[in-house]
Amino acid sequence: MKYFSSITTLFFTTCLCLSLNSQVSLSAGLGSISGFTTNQSHIGLHAGFELPRNNDVTFYGRLGHYFSRPEDNGSTRTVIITDLNNTSLPYQLQVNTQSSFNYTTIEGGTRYYLGNDYDNGISAYGGTNGMLVFNSVKLNYDKTDITGTYEWENNYSVPSNEENEGIIIGIALGLQGGVKYSIPALGTVYFDVSGQYSILAQGSNTVANSTNQYSQLFFVFTLGFRKDLY
């Protein structure tokens, strides 16, 4: 989506500008999100920056994308014949559908390091954060109707008043904790976990509002590598 592309461009432009400061760290790695009420995990990637305020306190920002997964239980939709003069086929068919669901997140917050410093040795860290969350929802249709008799795509269409895609935009607040190990002259390996609670969410249409994959409480797990720039 163009909206996501603009957000991504803005995020990495910010990272580039920050890298011109006296000290900043850039990071990237793997991650997953698990909804508390859905029992589903979404695997993805993340990238971000970290800006020290002093040896023990930093500000960080992170962009993440966690890939789509289908819902556990689908539903049934009606498709209508496109050529009304074609009497050899049924006027309408029932088709099984499943919605897919993903996450794009933009987060930022403050971290407090315990033990060694931000860029030295082994440390634990924790703090609070805020997150802007985008969930894309898309309906995926089976190739045949529910009886398996008709391949519908060439002769049928979804009713014009029904939408197949939607988006949920939300704001979440959370707590984060993790551990890191800084290797001199190389960089830092880190792992952290955050619990996020959505305080505001708005779906764009009935497709977004009817998904059963949305969870107001969710957890983010990340593993990555951080490089300090001076």
C-alpha atoms as a PDB file:
ATOM      1  CA  MET A   1       0.000   0.000   0.000  1.00  0.00           C
ATOM      2  CA  LYS A   2       1.149   3.527  -0.763  1.00  0.00           C
ATOM      3  CA  TYR A   3       0.353   4.529   2.823  1.00  0.00           C
ATOM      4  CA  PHE A   4       2.783   1.942   4.205  1.00  0.00           C
ATOM      5  CA  SER A   5       5.435   2.938   1.636  1.00  0.00           C
ATOM      6  CA  SER A   6       5.262   6.559   2.785  1.00  0.00           C
ATOM      7  CA  ILE A   7       5.577   5.520   6.436  1.00  0.00           C
ATOM      8  CA  THR A   8       8.547   3.272   5.643  1.00  0.00           C
ATOM      9  CA  THR A   9      10.294   6.043   3.704  1.00  0.00           C
ATOM     10  CA  LEU A  10       9.755   8.502   6.547  1.00  0.00           C
ATOM     11  CA  PHE A  11      11.042   6.014   9.136  1.00  0.00           C
ATOM     12  CA  PHE A  12      14.272   5.235   7.310  1.00  0.00           C
ATOM     13  CA  THR A  13      14.832   8.907   6.467  1.00  0.00           C
ATOM     14  CA  THR A  14      14.652   9.587  10.204  1.00  0.00           C
ATOM     15  CA  CYS A  15      17.162   6.795  10.840  1.00  0.00           C
ATOM     16  CA  LEU A  16      19.535   8.292   8.253  1.00  0.00           C
ATOM     17  CA  CYS A  17      19.290  11.741   9.818  1.00  0.00           C
ATOM     18  CA  LEU A  18      19.931  10.320  13.276  1.00  0.00           C
ATOM     19  CA  SER A  19      23.003   8.493  12.002  1.00  0.00           C
ATOM     20  CA  LEU A  20      24.585  11.899  11.378  1.00  0.00           C
ATOM     21  CA  ASN A  21      24.532  12.607  15.127  1.00  0.00           C
ATOM     22  CA  SER A  22      27.558  11.987  17.348  1.00  0.00           C
ATOM     23  CA  GLN A  23      26.326   8.529  18.404  1.00  0.00           C
ATOM     24  CA  VAL A  24      23.432   6.414  17.253  1.00  0.00           C
ATOM     25  CA  SER A  25      22.833   2.701  16.776  1.00  0.00           C
ATOM     26  CA  LEU A  26      21.070   0.989  13.897  1.00  0.00           C
ATOM     27  CA  SER A  27      19.510  -2.430  14.383  1.00  0.00           C
ATOM     28  CA  ALA A  28      17.695  -5.147  12.455  1.00  0.00           C
ATOM     29  CA  GLY A  29      16.518  -8.681  13.023  1.00  0.00           C
ATOM     30  CA  LEU A  30      13.693 -11.175  13.257  1.00  0.00           C
ATOM     31  CA  GLY A  31      10.529 -11.022  15.326  1.00  0.00           C
ATOM     32  CA  SER A  32       7.089 -12.406  15.989  1.00  0.00           C
ATOM     33  CA  ILE A  33       3.762 -11.129  17.292  1.00  0.00           C
ATOM     34  CA  SER A  34       1.296 -13.265  19.232  1.00  0.00           C
ATOM     35  CA  GLY A  35      -2.247 -12.182  19.989  1.00  0.00           C
ATOM     36  CA  PHE A  36      -3.384 -13.050  23.515  1.00  0.00           C
ATOM     37  CA  THR A  37      -6.894 -14.082  22.457  1.00  0.00           C
ATOM     38  CA  THR A  38      -6.067 -15.637  19.059  1.00  0.00           C
ATOM     39  CA  ASN A  39      -3.304 -18.152  19.833  1.00  0.00           C
ATOM     40  CA  GLN A  40      -1.655 -17.230  16.533  1.00  0.00           C
ATOM     41  CA  SER A  41       1.898 -16.030  15.915  1.00  0.00           C
ATOM     42  CA  HIS A  42       3.021 -13.895  12.977  1.00  0.00           C
ATOM     43  CA  ILE A  43       6.687 -14.117  11.977  1.00  0.00           C
ATOM     44  CA  GLY A  44       8.386 -11.023  10.571  1.00  0.00           C
ATOM     45  CA  LEU A  45      11.280  -8.586  10.332  1.00  0.00           C
ATOM     46  CA  HIS A  46      12.169  -5.365  12.105  1.00  0.00           C
ATOM     47  CA  ALA A  47      14.647  -2.484  11.803  1.00  0.00           C
ATOM     48  CA  GLY A  48      15.268   0.526  13.992  1.00  0.00           C
ATOM     49  CA  PHE A  49      17.561   2.979  15.714  1.00  0.00           C
ATOM     50  CA  GLU A  50      18.623   3.741  19.272  1.00  0.00           C
ATOM     51  CA  LEU A  51      19.838   7.118  20.502  1.00  0.00           C
ATOM     52  CA  PRO A  52      21.643   7.332  23.882  1.00  0.00           C
ATOM     53  CA  ARG A  53      20.699  10.113  26.274  1.00  0.00           C
ATOM     54  CA  ASN A  54      23.482   8.943  28.627  1.00  0.00           C
ATOM     55  CA  ASN A  55      25.256   5.662  29.367  1.00  0.00           C
ATOM     56  CA  ASP A  56      22.179   4.094  30.963  1.00  0.00           C
ATOM     57  CA  VAL A  57      19.165   5.660  29.205  1.00  0.00           C
ATOM     58  CA  THR A  58      18.284   5.605  25.496  1.00  0.00           C
ATOM     59  CA  PHE A  59      15.446   6.475  23.171  1.00  0.00           C
ATOM     60  CA  TYR A  60      14.614   3.938  20.472  1.00  0.00           C
ATOM     61  CA  GLY A  61      12.407   3.647  17.412  1.00  0.00           C
ATOM     62  CA  ARG A  62      11.516   0.525  15.467  1.00  0.00           C
ATOM     63  CA  LEU A  63       9.593  -0.431  12.330  1.00  0.00           C
ATOM     64  CA  GLY A  64       8.311  -3.990  12.039  1.00  0.00           C
ATOM     65  CA  HIS A  65       6.339  -6.034   9.551  1.00  0.00           C
ATOM     66  CA  TYR A  66       4.884  -9.419  10.507  1.00  0.00           C
ATOM     67  CA  PHE A  67       3.581 -11.522   7.644  1.00  0.00           C
ATOM     68  CA  SER A  68       0.026 -12.636   6.926  1.00  0.00           C
ATOM     69  CA  ARG A  69      -1.528 -15.780   8.311  1.00  0.00           C
ATOM     70  CA  PRO A  70      -4.965 -17.210   7.519  1.00  0.00           C
ATOM     71  CA  GLU A  71      -7.603 -17.445  10.202  1.00  0.00           C
ATOM     72  CA  ASP A  72      -8.324 -20.797  11.824  1.00  0.00           C
ATOM     73  CA  ASN A  73     -12.031 -20.787  10.953  1.00  0.00           C
ATOM     74  CA  GLY A  74     -13.351 -19.510   7.645  1.00  0.00           C
ATOM     75  CA  SER A  75     -16.749 -18.361   6.448  1.00  0.00           C
ATOM     76  CA  THR A  76     -18.937 -18.642   3.350  1.00  0.00           C
ATOM     77  CA  ARG A  77     -19.620 -15.923   0.777  1.00  0.00           C
ATOM     78  CA  THR A  78     -22.024 -15.703  -2.156  1.00  0.00           C
ATOM     79  CA  VAL A  79     -20.855 -15.102  -5.731  1.00  0.00           C
ATOM     80  CA  ILE A  80     -23.224 -14.059  -8.563  1.00  0.00           C
ATOM     81  CA  ILE A  81     -23.130 -15.146 -12.207  1.00  0.00           C
ATOM     82  CA  THR A  82     -21.831 -12.387 -14.518  1.00  0.00           C
ATOM     83  CA  ASP A  83     -23.756 -13.430 -17.658  1.00  0.00           C
ATOM     84  CA  LEU A  84     -27.446 -13.523 -16.777  1.00  0.00           C
ATOM     85  CA  ASN A  85     -28.244 -15.175 -20.140  1.00  0.00           C
ATOM     86  CA  ASN A  86     -26.173 -18.217 -19.217  1.00  0.00           C
ATOM     87  CA  THR A  87     -28.832 -20.587 -17.940  1.00  0.00           C
ATOM     88  CA  SER A  88     -26.539 -23.620 -17.908  1.00  0.00           C
ATOM     89  CA  LEU A  89     -25.025 -22.495 -14.624  1.00  0.00           C
ATOM     90  CA  PRO A  90     -26.623 -21.706 -11.262  1.00  0.00           C
ATOM     91  CA  TYR A  91     -27.421 -18.024 -10.683  1.00  0.00           C
ATOM     92  CA  GLN A  92     -25.322 -17.955  -7.504  1.00  0.00           C
ATOM     93  CA  LEU A  93     -22.861 -20.150  -5.633  1.00  0.00           C
ATOM     94  CA  GLN A  94     -21.599 -20.417  -2.086  1.00  0.00           C
ATOM     95  CA  VAL A  95     -17.811 -20.241  -1.765  1.00  0.00           C
ATOM     96  CA  ASN A  96     -15.662 -20.856   1.306  1.00  0.00           C
ATOM     97  CA  THR A  97     -13.386 -17.982   2.327  1.00  0.00           C
ATOM     98  CA  GLN A  98     -10.599 -17.395   4.816  1.00  0.00           C
ATOM     99  CA  SER A  99      -9.311 -14.013   5.911  1.00  0.00           C
ATOM    100  CA  SER A 100      -5.563 -13.365   6.164  1.00  0.00           C
ATOM    101  CA  PHE A 101      -4.193 -10.914   8.710  1.00  0.00           C
ATOM    102  CA  ASN A 102      -0.837  -9.180   9.219  1.00  0.00           C
ATOM    103  CA  TYR A 103       0.837  -6.504  11.349  1.00  0.00           C
ATOM    104  CA  THR A 104       2.871  -3.424  10.485  1.00  0.00           C
ATOM    105  CA  THR A 105       4.118  -1.598  13.581  1.00  0.00           C
ATOM    106  CA  ILE A 106       5.893   1.653  14.321  1.00  0.00           C
ATOM    107  CA  GLU A 107       7.060   1.911  17.915  1.00  0.00           C
ATOM    108  CA  GLY A 108       9.172   4.151  20.071  1.00  0.00           C
ATOM    109  CA  GLY A 109      10.045   4.543  23.720  1.00  0.00           C
ATOM    110  CA  THR A 110      12.663   4.871  26.428  1.00  0.00           C
ATOM    111  CA  ARG A 111      14.981   2.120  27.664  1.00  0.00           C
ATOM    112  CA  TYR A 112      16.813   1.949  30.993  1.00  0.00           C
ATOM    113  CA  TYR A 113      19.898  -0.278  31.161  1.00  0.00           C
ATOM    114  CA  LEU A 114      20.831  -2.276  34.263  1.00  0.00           C
ATOM    115  CA  GLY A 115      24.251  -3.768  34.837  1.00  0.00           C
ATOM    116  CA  ASN A 116      26.746  -2.638  32.224  1.00  0.00           C
ATOM    117  CA  ASP A 117      26.245   0.412  30.039  1.00  0.00           C
ATOM    118  CA  TYR A 118      24.231   0.677  26.858  1.00  0.00           C
ATOM    119  CA  ASP A 119      27.271  -0.200  24.716  1.00  0.00           C
ATOM    120  CA  ASN A 120      29.314  -2.369  27.080  1.00  0.00           C
ATOM    121  CA  GLY A 121      29.108  -6.052  27.972  1.00  0.00           C
ATOM    122  CA  ILE A 122      25.987  -7.832  29.173  1.00  0.00           C
ATOM    123  CA  SER A 123      23.037  -5.743  30.327  1.00  0.00           C
ATOM    124  CA  ALA A 124      19.358  -6.068  30.992  1.00  0.00           C
ATOM    125  CA  TYR A 125      17.040  -3.290  29.903  1.00  0.00           C
ATOM    126  CA  GLY A 126      13.433  -2.274  30.188  1.00  0.00           C
ATOM    127  CA  GLY A 127      11.072   0.619  29.731  1.00  0.00           C
ATOM    128  CA  THR A 128       7.804   1.880  28.308  1.00  0.00           C
ATOM    129  CA  ASN A 129       6.785   2.393  24.710  1.00  0.00           C
ATOM    130  CA  GLY A 130       4.026   3.472  22.378  1.00  0.00           C
ATOM    131  CA  MET A 131       3.077   1.775  19.134  1.00  0.00           C
ATOM    132  CA  LEU A 132       1.143   2.645  15.996  1.00  0.00           C
ATOM    133  CA  VAL A 133      -0.321  -0.593  14.593  1.00  0.00           C
ATOM    134  CA  PHE A 134      -1.658  -1.338  11.110  1.00  0.00           C
ATOM    135  CA  ASN A 135      -3.466  -4.640  10.515  1.00  0.00           C
ATOM    136  CA  SER A 136      -4.292  -5.547   6.919  1.00  0.00           C
ATOM    137  CA  VAL A 137      -7.195  -7.974   6.459  1.00  0.00           C
ATOM    138  CA  LYS A 138      -7.899  -9.716   3.154  1.00  0.00           C
ATOM    139  CA  LEU A 139     -10.524 -12.291   2.179  1.00  0.00           C
ATOM    140  CA  ASN A 140      -9.187 -15.245   0.167  1.00  0.00           C
ATOM    141  CA  TYR A 141     -11.711 -17.311  -1.809  1.00  0.00           C
ATOM    142  CA  ASP A 142     -11.509 -21.016  -2.650  1.00  0.00           C
ATOM    143  CA  LYS A 143     -11.214 -21.820  -6.368  1.00  0.00           C
ATOM    144  CA  THR A 144     -14.405 -23.880  -6.365  1.00  0.00           C
ATOM    145  CA  ASP A 145     -17.796 -23.586  -4.679  1.00  0.00           C
ATOM    146  CA  ILE A 146     -18.522 -25.413  -1.423  1.00  0.00           C
ATOM    147  CA  THR A 147     -19.596 -28.568  -3.300  1.00  0.00           C
ATOM    148  CA  GLY A 148     -16.370 -28.680  -5.326  1.00  0.00           C
ATOM    149  CA  THR A 149     -18.419 -28.787  -8.543  1.00  0.00           C
ATOM    150  CA  TYR A 150     -17.877 -25.364 -10.114  1.00  0.00           C
ATOM    151  CA  GLU A 151     -14.755 -23.281 -10.650  1.00  0.00           C
ATOM    152  CA  TRP A 152     -16.380 -19.911 -10.268  1.00  0.00           C
ATOM    153  CA  GLU A 153     -13.766 -17.234 -11.073  1.00  0.00           C
ATOM    154  CA  ASN A 154     -14.385 -17.046 -14.845  1.00  0.00           C
ATOM    155  CA  ASN A 155     -18.188 -16.951 -14.676  1.00  0.00           C
ATOM    156  CA  TYR A 156     -19.031 -15.398 -11.310  1.00  0.00           C
ATOM    157  CA  SER A 157     -18.125 -12.292  -9.356  1.00  0.00           C
ATOM    158  CA  VAL A 158     -18.417 -11.019  -5.814  1.00  0.00           C
ATOM    159  CA  PRO A 159     -21.387  -8.644  -5.319  1.00  0.00           C
ATOM    160  CA  SER A 160     -20.345  -5.036  -5.935  1.00  0.00           C
ATOM    161  CA  ASN A 161     -21.396  -3.933  -2.455  1.00  0.00           C
ATOM    162  CA  GLU A 162     -19.063  -6.413  -0.727  1.00  0.00           C
ATOM    163  CA  GLU A 163     -15.444  -5.532   0.016  1.00  0.00           C
ATOM    164  CA  ASN A 164     -12.600  -8.033   0.118  1.00  0.00           C
ATOM    165  CA  GLU A 165      -9.932  -6.010   1.954  1.00  0.00           C
ATOM    166  CA  GLY A 166      -9.796  -3.799   5.019  1.00  0.00           C
ATOM    167  CA  ILE A 167      -7.397  -2.243   7.473  1.00  0.00           C
ATOM    168  CA  ILE A 168      -7.381  -1.692  11.240  1.00  0.00           C
ATOM    169  CA  ILE A 169      -5.403   1.257  12.601  1.00  0.00           C
ATOM    170  CA  GLY A 170      -4.648   1.245  16.308  1.00  0.00           C
ATOM    171  CA  ILE A 171      -2.604   2.853  19.056  1.00  0.00           C
ATOM    172  CA  ALA A 172      -1.060   0.651  21.746  1.00  0.00           C
ATOM    173  CA  LEU A 173       0.905   1.262  24.927  1.00  0.00           C
ATOM    174  CA  GLY A 174       3.221  -1.261  26.503  1.00  0.00           C
ATOM    175  CA  LEU A 175       6.176  -2.402  28.582  1.00  0.00           C
ATOM    176  CA  GLN A 176       9.370  -3.867  27.200  1.00  0.00           C
ATOM    177  CA  GLY A 177      12.213  -5.880  28.704  1.00  0.00           C
ATOM    178  CA  GLY A 178      15.247  -7.568  27.270  1.00  0.00           C
ATOM    179  CA  VAL A 179      18.905  -8.512  27.446  1.00  0.00           C
ATOM    180  CA  LYS A 180      21.846  -7.610  25.225  1.00  0.00           C
ATOM    181  CA  TYR A 181      25.496  -8.529  24.827  1.00  0.00           C
ATOM    182  CA  SER A 182      27.894  -5.978  23.303  1.00  0.00           C
ATOM    183  CA  ILE A 183      30.955  -7.370  21.544  1.00  0.00           C
ATOM    184  CA  PRO A 184      33.810  -4.820  21.320  1.00  0.00           C
ATOM    185  CA  ALA A 185      34.435  -3.474  17.782  1.00  0.00           C
ATOM    186  CA  LEU A 186      31.679  -5.712  16.387  1.00  0.00           C
ATOM    187  CA  GLY A 187      28.223  -4.859  17.690  1.00  0.00           C
ATOM    188  CA  THR A 188      25.444  -5.962  20.015  1.00  0.00           C
ATOM    189  CA  VAL A 189      23.179  -9.001  20.007  1.00  0.00           C
ATOM    190  CA  TYR A 190      19.830  -8.446  21.727  1.00  0.00           C
ATOM    191  CA  PHE A 191      16.568 -10.154  22.587  1.00  0.00           C
ATOM    192  CA  ASP A 192      13.515  -8.413  24.001  1.00  0.00           C
ATOM    193  CA  VAL A 193       9.836  -8.970  24.708  1.00  0.00           C
ATOM    194  CA  SER A 194       7.082  -6.389  24.993  1.00  0.00           C
ATOM    195  CA  GLY A 195       3.477  -6.608  26.035  1.00  0.00           C
ATOM    196  CA  GLN A 196       1.177  -4.182  24.200  1.00  0.00           C
ATOM    197  CA  TYR A 197      -2.384  -3.133  24.953  1.00  0.00           C
ATOM    198  CA  SER A 198      -4.396  -1.355  22.283  1.00  0.00           C
ATOM    199  CA  ILE A 199      -6.156   1.685  23.725  1.00  0.00           C
ATOM    200  CA  LEU A 200      -7.696   2.749  20.415  1.00  0.00           C
ATOM    201  CA  ALA A 201      -8.454   0.847  17.198  1.00  0.00           C
ATOM    202  CA  GLN A 202     -10.609   1.597  14.173  1.00  0.00           C
ATOM    203  CA  GLY A 203     -11.486  -0.736  11.302  1.00  0.00           C
ATOM    204  CA  SER A 204     -12.017   0.685   7.829  1.00  0.00           C
ATOM    205  CA  ASN A 205     -14.974  -1.536   6.863  1.00  0.00           C
ATOM    206  CA  THR A 206     -16.923  -4.707   7.722  1.00  0.00           C
ATOM    207  CA  VAL A 207     -14.089  -6.960   6.516  1.00  0.00           C
ATOM    208  CA  ALA A 208     -11.726  -5.405   9.048  1.00  0.00           C
ATOM    209  CA  ASN A 209     -14.299  -5.250  11.830  1.00  0.00           C
ATOM    210  CA  SER A 210     -15.441  -8.860  11.454  1.00  0.00           C
ATOM    211  CA  THR A 211     -12.033 -10.571  11.624  1.00  0.00           C
ATOM    212  CA  ASN A 212     -11.478 -12.935  14.533  1.00  0.00           C
ATOM    213  CA  GLN A 213      -7.677 -12.518  14.385  1.00  0.00           C
ATOM    214  CA  TYR A 214      -7.557  -9.128  16.074  1.00  0.00           C
ATOM    215  CA  SER A 215      -6.447  -9.101  19.718  1.00  0.00           C
ATOM    216  CA  GLN A 216      -6.454  -6.014  21.908  1.00  0.00           C
ATOM    217  CA  LEU A 217      -3.585  -7.472  23.969  1.00  0.00           C
ATOM    218  CA  PHE A 218      -0.564  -8.852  22.108  1.00  0.00           C
ATOM    219  CA  PHE A 219       3.098  -9.685  22.656  1.00  0.00           C
ATOM    220  CA  VAL A 220       6.120  -8.856  20.493  1.00  0.00           C
ATOM    221  CA  PHE A 221       9.317 -10.940  20.533  1.00  0.00           C
ATOM    222  CA  THR A 222      12.438  -9.692  18.733  1.00  0.00           C
ATOM    223  CA  LEU A 223      15.942 -11.036  18.182  1.00  0.00           C
ATOM    224  CA  GLY A 224      18.486  -8.924  16.362  1.00  0.00           C
ATOM    225  CA  PHE A 225      21.841  -7.275  15.923  1.00  0.00           C
ATOM    226  CA  ARG A 226      22.696  -3.647  16.723  1.00  0.00           C
ATOM    227  CA  LYS A 227      25.598  -1.676  15.289  1.00  0.00           C
ATOM    228  CA  ASP A 228      26.835   1.426  17.112  1.00  0.00           C
ATOM    229  CA  LEU A 229      27.820   4.397  14.930  1.00  0.00           C
ATOM    230  CA  TYR A 230      30.038   7.207  16.206  1.00  0.00           C
END
